[in-house]
Amino acid sequence: MSTDNEAFLHGLEIEVAAELAIAESSHFEDVARTPVTEWLFDPTDAERYEVNLRGLLGAVEAVEEGETR
């Protein structure tokens, strides 16, 4: 693949990893202990978002690894 694609994938990996770090540090389980009327977001949606970020990061890493072979 081209250098442009490699740079794009590397940048995407950095962005997704940063977003995942934020999601992991948010402690969604603490929100679940508060009354529903005080929720700013649904903890289930937040957990689903984190899982999706992990999947996206894994996919980006797999594509990058495939390009270096």
PDB file of N, CA and C in Angstrom:
ATOM      1  N   MET A   1       0.830  -1.184   0.000  1.00  0.00           N
ATOM      2  CA  MET A   1       0.000   0.000   0.000  1.00  0.00           C
ATOM      3  C   MET A   1       0.869   1.240   0.000  1.00  0.00           C
ATOM      4  N   SER A   2       0.228   2.332  -0.297  1.00  0.00           N
ATOM      5  CA  SER A   2       0.964   3.583  -0.400  1.00  0.00           C
ATOM      6  C   SER A   2       1.277   4.164   0.969  1.00  0.00           C
ATOM      7  N   THR A   3       2.213   5.076   0.966  1.00  0.00           N
ATOM      8  CA  THR A   3       2.601   5.762   2.194  1.00  0.00           C
ATOM      9  C   THR A   3       1.430   6.563   2.758  1.00  0.00           C
ATOM     10  N   ASP A   4       0.577   7.090   1.875  1.00  0.00           N
ATOM     11  CA  ASP A   4      -0.603   7.831   2.330  1.00  0.00           C
ATOM     12  C   ASP A   4      -1.526   6.943   3.144  1.00  0.00           C
ATOM     13  N   ASN A   5      -1.733   5.724   2.677  1.00  0.00           N
ATOM     14  CA  ASN A   5      -2.589   4.787   3.405  1.00  0.00           C
ATOM     15  C   ASN A   5      -1.973   4.407   4.742  1.00  0.00           C
ATOM     16  N   GLU A   6      -0.670   4.194   4.750  1.00  0.00           N
ATOM     17  CA  GLU A   6       0.016   3.852   6.000  1.00  0.00           C
ATOM     18  C   GLU A   6      -0.103   4.997   7.005  1.00  0.00           C
ATOM     19  N   ALA A   7       0.075   6.215   6.543  1.00  0.00           N
ATOM     20  CA  ALA A   7      -0.039   7.381   7.418  1.00  0.00           C
ATOM     21  C   ALA A   7      -1.467   7.521   7.935  1.00  0.00           C
ATOM     22  N   PHE A   8      -2.440   7.293   7.052  1.00  0.00           N
ATOM     23  CA  PHE A   8      -3.838   7.374   7.468  1.00  0.00           C
ATOM     24  C   PHE A   8      -4.139   6.327   8.535  1.00  0.00           C
ATOM     25  N   LEU A   9      -3.721   5.095   8.305  1.00  0.00           N
ATOM     26  CA  LEU A   9      -3.977   4.025   9.272  1.00  0.00           C
ATOM     27  C   LEU A   9      -3.304   4.303  10.606  1.00  0.00           C
ATOM     28  N   HIS A  10      -2.093   4.803  10.558  1.00  0.00           N
ATOM     29  CA  HIS A  10      -1.381   5.112  11.801  1.00  0.00           C
ATOM     30  C   HIS A  10      -2.106   6.223  12.567  1.00  0.00           C
ATOM     31  N   GLY A  11      -2.541   7.241  11.852  1.00  0.00           N
ATOM     32  CA  GLY A  11      -3.285   8.327  12.487  1.00  0.00           C
ATOM     33  C   GLY A  11      -4.604   7.844  13.063  1.00  0.00           C
ATOM     34  N   LEU A  12      -5.286   6.968  12.320  1.00  0.00           N
ATOM     35  CA  LEU A  12      -6.547   6.403  12.800  1.00  0.00           C
ATOM     36  C   LEU A  12      -6.320   5.575  14.056  1.00  0.00           C
ATOM     37  N   GLU A  13      -5.259   4.800  14.071  1.00  0.00           N
ATOM     38  CA  GLU A  13      -4.935   3.993  15.249  1.00  0.00           C
ATOM     39  C   GLU A  13      -4.710   4.882  16.474  1.00  0.00           C
ATOM     40  N   ILE A  14      -4.001   5.973  16.294  1.00  0.00           N
ATOM     41  CA  ILE A  14      -3.741   6.901  17.397  1.00  0.00           C
ATOM     42  C   ILE A  14      -5.049   7.510  17.909  1.00  0.00           C
ATOM     43  N   GLU A  15      -5.905   7.928  16.978  1.00  0.00           N
ATOM     44  CA  GLU A  15      -7.187   8.536  17.361  1.00  0.00           C
ATOM     45  C   GLU A  15      -8.073   7.546  18.115  1.00  0.00           C
ATOM     46  N   VAL A  16      -8.178   6.329  17.611  1.00  0.00           N
ATOM     47  CA  VAL A  16      -9.030   5.330  18.246  1.00  0.00           C
ATOM     48  C   VAL A  16      -8.465   4.946  19.614  1.00  0.00           C
ATOM     49  N   ALA A  17      -7.151   4.792  19.706  1.00  0.00           N
ATOM     50  CA  ALA A  17      -6.530   4.455  20.992  1.00  0.00           C
ATOM     51  C   ALA A  17      -6.773   5.563  22.019  1.00  0.00           C
ATOM     52  N   ALA A  18      -6.702   6.810  21.594  1.00  0.00           N
ATOM     53  CA  ALA A  18      -6.952   7.933  22.503  1.00  0.00           C
ATOM     54  C   ALA A  18      -8.407   7.948  22.957  1.00  0.00           C
ATOM     55  N   GLU A  19      -9.318   7.721  22.032  1.00  0.00           N
ATOM     56  CA  GLU A  19     -10.743   7.682  22.380  1.00  0.00           C
ATOM     57  C   GLU A  19     -11.037   6.514  23.317  1.00  0.00           C
ATOM     58  N   LEU A  20     -10.385   5.390  23.091  1.00  0.00           N
ATOM     59  CA  LEU A  20     -10.557   4.230  23.959  1.00  0.00           C
ATOM     60  C   LEU A  20     -10.034   4.516  25.362  1.00  0.00           C
ATOM     61  N   ALA A  21      -8.917   5.206  25.463  1.00  0.00           N
ATOM     62  CA  ALA A  21      -8.375   5.566  26.773  1.00  0.00           C
ATOM     63  C   ALA A  21      -9.355   6.450  27.543  1.00  0.00           C
ATOM     64  N   ILE A  22      -9.998   7.369  26.844  1.00  0.00           N
ATOM     65  CA  ILE A  22     -11.001   8.231  27.483  1.00  0.00           C
ATOM     66  C   ILE A  22     -12.193   7.395  27.942  1.00  0.00           C
ATOM     67  N   ALA A  23     -12.648   6.516  27.082  1.00  0.00           N
ATOM     68  CA  ALA A  23     -13.796   5.673  27.423  1.00  0.00           C
ATOM     69  C   ALA A  23     -13.481   4.775  28.618  1.00  0.00           C
ATOM     70  N   GLU A  24     -12.286   4.220  28.653  1.00  0.00           N
ATOM     71  CA  GLU A  24     -11.896   3.345  29.760  1.00  0.00           C
ATOM     72  C   GLU A  24     -11.798   4.104  31.083  1.00  0.00           C
ATOM     73  N   SER A  25     -11.452   5.355  31.028  1.00  0.00           N
ATOM     74  CA  SER A  25     -11.272   6.129  32.259  1.00  0.00           C
ATOM     75  C   SER A  25     -12.574   6.761  32.755  1.00  0.00           C
ATOM     76  N   SER A  26     -13.661   6.563  32.043  1.00  0.00           N
ATOM     77  CA  SER A  26     -14.918   7.209  32.391  1.00  0.00           C
ATOM     78  C   SER A  26     -15.695   6.515  33.501  1.00  0.00           C
ATOM     79  N   HIS A  27     -15.376   5.293  33.827  1.00  0.00           N
ATOM     80  CA  HIS A  27     -16.030   4.553  34.920  1.00  0.00           C
ATOM     81  C   HIS A  27     -17.542   4.527  34.762  1.00  0.00           C
ATOM     82  N   PHE A  28     -17.995   3.945  33.679  1.00  0.00           N
ATOM     83  CA  PHE A  28     -19.417   3.867  33.389  1.00  0.00           C
ATOM     84  C   PHE A  28     -20.183   3.108  34.465  1.00  0.00           C
ATOM     85  N   GLU A  29     -19.527   2.176  35.119  1.00  0.00           N
ATOM     86  CA  GLU A  29     -20.211   1.388  36.152  1.00  0.00           C
ATOM     87  C   GLU A  29     -20.660   2.264  37.323  1.00  0.00           C
ATOM     88  N   ASP A  30     -19.964   3.368  37.579  1.00  0.00           N
ATOM     89  CA  ASP A  30     -20.373   4.285  38.648  1.00  0.00           C
ATOM     90  C   ASP A  30     -21.697   4.969  38.316  1.00  0.00           C
ATOM     91  N   VAL A  31     -21.901   5.271  37.053  1.00  0.00           N
ATOM     92  CA  VAL A  31     -23.133   5.920  36.624  1.00  0.00           C
ATOM     93  C   VAL A  31     -24.319   4.995  36.868  1.00  0.00           C
ATOM     94  N   ALA A  32     -24.119   3.706  36.669  1.00  0.00           N
ATOM     95  CA  ALA A  32     -25.214   2.749  36.827  1.00  0.00           C
ATOM     96  C   ALA A  32     -25.737   2.707  38.264  1.00  0.00           C
ATOM     97  N   ARG A  33     -24.953   3.163  39.211  1.00  0.00           N
ATOM     98  CA  ARG A  33     -25.375   3.166  40.616  1.00  0.00           C
ATOM     99  C   ARG A  33     -26.184   4.399  41.000  1.00  0.00           C
ATOM    100  N   THR A  34     -26.261   5.368  40.107  1.00  0.00           N
ATOM    101  CA  THR A  34     -27.026   6.582  40.387  1.00  0.00           C
ATOM    102  C   THR A  34     -28.445   6.429  39.844  1.00  0.00           C
ATOM    103  N   PRO A  35     -29.385   7.226  40.332  1.00  0.00           N
ATOM    104  CA  PRO A  35     -30.752   7.142  39.813  1.00  0.00           C
ATOM    105  C   PRO A  35     -30.800   7.463  38.317  1.00  0.00           C
ATOM    106  N   VAL A  36     -31.663   6.782  37.624  1.00  0.00           N
ATOM    107  CA  VAL A  36     -31.786   6.947  36.171  1.00  0.00           C
ATOM    108  C   VAL A  36     -32.052   8.402  35.791  1.00  0.00           C
ATOM    109  N   THR A  37     -32.763   9.105  36.594  1.00  0.00           N
ATOM    110  CA  THR A  37     -33.093  10.498  36.280  1.00  0.00           C
ATOM    111  C   THR A  37     -31.870  11.414  36.282  1.00  0.00           C
ATOM    112  N   GLU A  38     -30.754  10.956  36.874  1.00  0.00           N
ATOM    113  CA  GLU A  38     -29.529  11.754  36.926  1.00  0.00           C
ATOM    114  C   GLU A  38     -28.508  11.361  35.859  1.00  0.00           C
ATOM    115  N   TRP A  39     -28.825  10.345  35.070  1.00  0.00           N
ATOM    116  CA  TRP A  39     -27.883   9.888  34.044  1.00  0.00           C
ATOM    117  C   TRP A  39     -27.727  10.933  32.947  1.00  0.00           C
ATOM    118  N   LEU A  40     -26.493  11.193  32.560  1.00  0.00           N
ATOM    119  CA  LEU A  40     -26.222  12.025  31.394  1.00  0.00           C
ATOM    120  C   LEU A  40     -26.138  11.171  30.139  1.00  0.00           C
ATOM    121  N   PHE A  41     -25.920   9.870  30.329  1.00  0.00           N
ATOM    122  CA  PHE A  41     -25.851   8.908  29.231  1.00  0.00           C
ATOM    123  C   PHE A  41     -26.233   7.545  29.789  1.00  0.00           C
ATOM    124  N   ASP A  42     -26.611   6.650  28.915  1.00  0.00           N
ATOM    125  CA  ASP A  42     -26.959   5.293  29.310  1.00  0.00           C
ATOM    126  C   ASP A  42     -25.669   4.485  29.434  1.00  0.00           C
ATOM    127  N   PRO A  43     -25.373   3.925  30.598  1.00  0.00           N
ATOM    128  CA  PRO A  43     -24.134   3.163  30.773  1.00  0.00           C
ATOM    129  C   PRO A  43     -24.010   1.986  29.799  1.00  0.00           C
ATOM    130  N   THR A  44     -25.128   1.414  29.386  1.00  0.00           N
ATOM    131  CA  THR A  44     -25.081   0.321  28.422  1.00  0.00           C
ATOM    132  C   THR A  44     -24.572   0.818  27.073  1.00  0.00           C
ATOM    133  N   ASP A  45     -25.025   1.988  26.663  1.00  0.00           N
ATOM    134  CA  ASP A  45     -24.540   2.565  25.412  1.00  0.00           C
ATOM    135  C   ASP A  45     -23.049   2.884  25.508  1.00  0.00           C
ATOM    136  N   ALA A  46     -22.615   3.377  26.644  1.00  0.00           N
ATOM    137  CA  ALA A  46     -21.202   3.703  26.832  1.00  0.00           C
ATOM    138  C   ALA A  46     -20.344   2.448  26.783  1.00  0.00           C
ATOM    139  N   GLU A  47     -20.832   1.375  27.396  1.00  0.00           N
ATOM    140  CA  GLU A  47     -20.089   0.109  27.359  1.00  0.00           C
ATOM    141  C   GLU A  47     -20.032  -0.438  25.933  1.00  0.00           C
ATOM    142  N   ARG A  48     -21.123  -0.343  25.219  1.00  0.00           N
ATOM    143  CA  ARG A  48     -21.178  -0.795  23.826  1.00  0.00           C
ATOM    144  C   ARG A  48     -20.200   0.010  22.976  1.00  0.00           C
ATOM    145  N   TYR A  49     -20.114   1.315  23.221  1.00  0.00           N
ATOM    146  CA  TYR A  49     -19.189   2.186  22.496  1.00  0.00           C
ATOM    147  C   TYR A  49     -17.747   1.743  22.731  1.00  0.00           C
ATOM    148  N   GLU A  50     -17.421   1.423  23.986  1.00  0.00           N
ATOM    149  CA  GLU A  50     -16.068   0.969  24.308  1.00  0.00           C
ATOM    150  C   GLU A  50     -15.746  -0.343  23.592  1.00  0.00           C
ATOM    151  N   VAL A  51     -16.687  -1.257  23.577  1.00  0.00           N
ATOM    152  CA  VAL A  51     -16.481  -2.532  22.879  1.00  0.00           C
ATOM    153  C   VAL A  51     -16.255  -2.289  21.390  1.00  0.00           C
ATOM    154  N   ASN A  52     -17.045  -1.404  20.806  1.00  0.00           N
ATOM    155  CA  ASN A  52     -16.873  -1.089  19.387  1.00  0.00           C
ATOM    156  C   ASN A  52     -15.521  -0.444  19.106  1.00  0.00           C
ATOM    157  N   LEU A  53     -15.062   0.414  20.005  1.00  0.00           N
ATOM    158  CA  LEU A  53     -13.732   1.015  19.830  1.00  0.00           C
ATOM    159  C   LEU A  53     -12.644  -0.054  19.860  1.00  0.00           C
ATOM    160  N   ARG A  54     -12.782  -1.024  20.759  1.00  0.00           N
ATOM    161  CA  ARG A  54     -11.805  -2.114  20.817  1.00  0.00           C
ATOM    162  C   ARG A  54     -11.790  -2.905  19.507  1.00  0.00           C
ATOM    163  N   GLY A  55     -12.971  -3.153  18.956  1.00  0.00           N
ATOM    164  CA  GLY A  55     -13.058  -3.862  17.680  1.00  0.00           C
ATOM    165  C   GLY A  55     -12.432  -3.063  16.546  1.00  0.00           C
ATOM    166  N   LEU A  56     -12.693  -1.774  16.515  1.00  0.00           N
ATOM    167  CA  LEU A  56     -12.117  -0.915  15.486  1.00  0.00           C
ATOM    168  C   LEU A  56     -10.600  -0.862  15.606  1.00  0.00           C
ATOM    169  N   LEU A  57     -10.111  -0.738  16.825  1.00  0.00           N
ATOM    170  CA  LEU A  57      -8.659  -0.702  17.030  1.00  0.00           C
ATOM    171  C   LEU A  57      -8.026  -2.011  16.569  1.00  0.00           C
ATOM    172  N   GLY A  58      -8.656  -3.126  16.892  1.00  0.00           N
ATOM    173  CA  GLY A  58      -8.140  -4.424  16.446  1.00  0.00           C
ATOM    174  C   GLY A  58      -8.120  -4.534  14.935  1.00  0.00           C
ATOM    175  N   ALA A  59      -9.158  -4.018  14.277  1.00  0.00           N
ATOM    176  CA  ALA A  59      -9.213  -4.066  12.819  1.00  0.00           C
ATOM    177  C   ALA A  59      -8.123  -3.209  12.189  1.00  0.00           C
ATOM    178  N   VAL A  60      -7.922  -2.024  12.727  1.00  0.00           N
ATOM    179  CA  VAL A  60      -6.876  -1.141  12.200  1.00  0.00           C
ATOM    180  C   VAL A  60      -5.504  -1.794  12.373  1.00  0.00           C
ATOM    181  N   GLU A  61      -5.268  -2.375  13.541  1.00  0.00           N
ATOM    182  CA  GLU A  61      -3.986  -3.040  13.785  1.00  0.00           C
ATOM    183  C   GLU A  61      -3.793  -4.222  12.841  1.00  0.00           C
ATOM    184  N   ALA A  62      -4.858  -4.965  12.559  1.00  0.00           N
ATOM    185  CA  ALA A  62      -4.753  -6.108  11.651  1.00  0.00           C
ATOM    186  C   ALA A  62      -4.422  -5.657  10.237  1.00  0.00           C
ATOM    187  N   VAL A  63      -5.044  -4.563   9.790  1.00  0.00           N
ATOM    188  CA  VAL A  63      -4.759  -4.054   8.443  1.00  0.00           C
ATOM    189  C   VAL A  63      -3.317  -3.553   8.381  1.00  0.00           C
ATOM    190  N   GLU A  64      -2.888  -2.839   9.418  1.00  0.00           N
ATOM    191  CA  GLU A  64      -1.500  -2.352   9.438  1.00  0.00           C
ATOM    192  C   GLU A  64      -0.516  -3.510   9.410  1.00  0.00           C
ATOM    193  N   GLU A  65      -0.803  -4.535  10.172  1.00  0.00           N
ATOM    194  CA  GLU A  65       0.087  -5.699  10.220  1.00  0.00           C
ATOM    195  C   GLU A  65       0.133  -6.386   8.875  1.00  0.00           C
ATOM    196  N   GLY A  66      -1.009  -6.472   8.202  1.00  0.00           N
ATOM    197  CA  GLY A  66      -1.068  -7.093   6.883  1.00  0.00           C
ATOM    198  C   GLY A  66      -0.296  -6.313   5.849  1.00  0.00           C
ATOM    199  N   GLU A  67      -0.216  -5.017   5.997  1.00  0.00           N
ATOM    200  CA  GLU A  67       0.516  -4.186   5.045  1.00  0.00           C
ATOM    201  C   GLU A  67       2.026  -4.338   5.185  1.00  0.00           C
ATOM    202  N   THR A  68       2.484  -4.656   6.382  1.00  0.00           N
ATOM    203  CA  THR A  68       3.933  -4.750   6.600  1.00  0.00           C
ATOM    204  C   THR A  68       4.481  -6.103   6.174  1.00  0.00           C
ATOM    205  N   ARG A  69       3.618  -7.021   5.875  1.00  0.00           N
ATOM    206  CA  ARG A  69       4.089  -8.362   5.446  1.00  0.00           C
ATOM    207  C   ARG A  69       4.431  -8.393   4.017  1.00  0.00           C
TER     208      ARG A  69
END
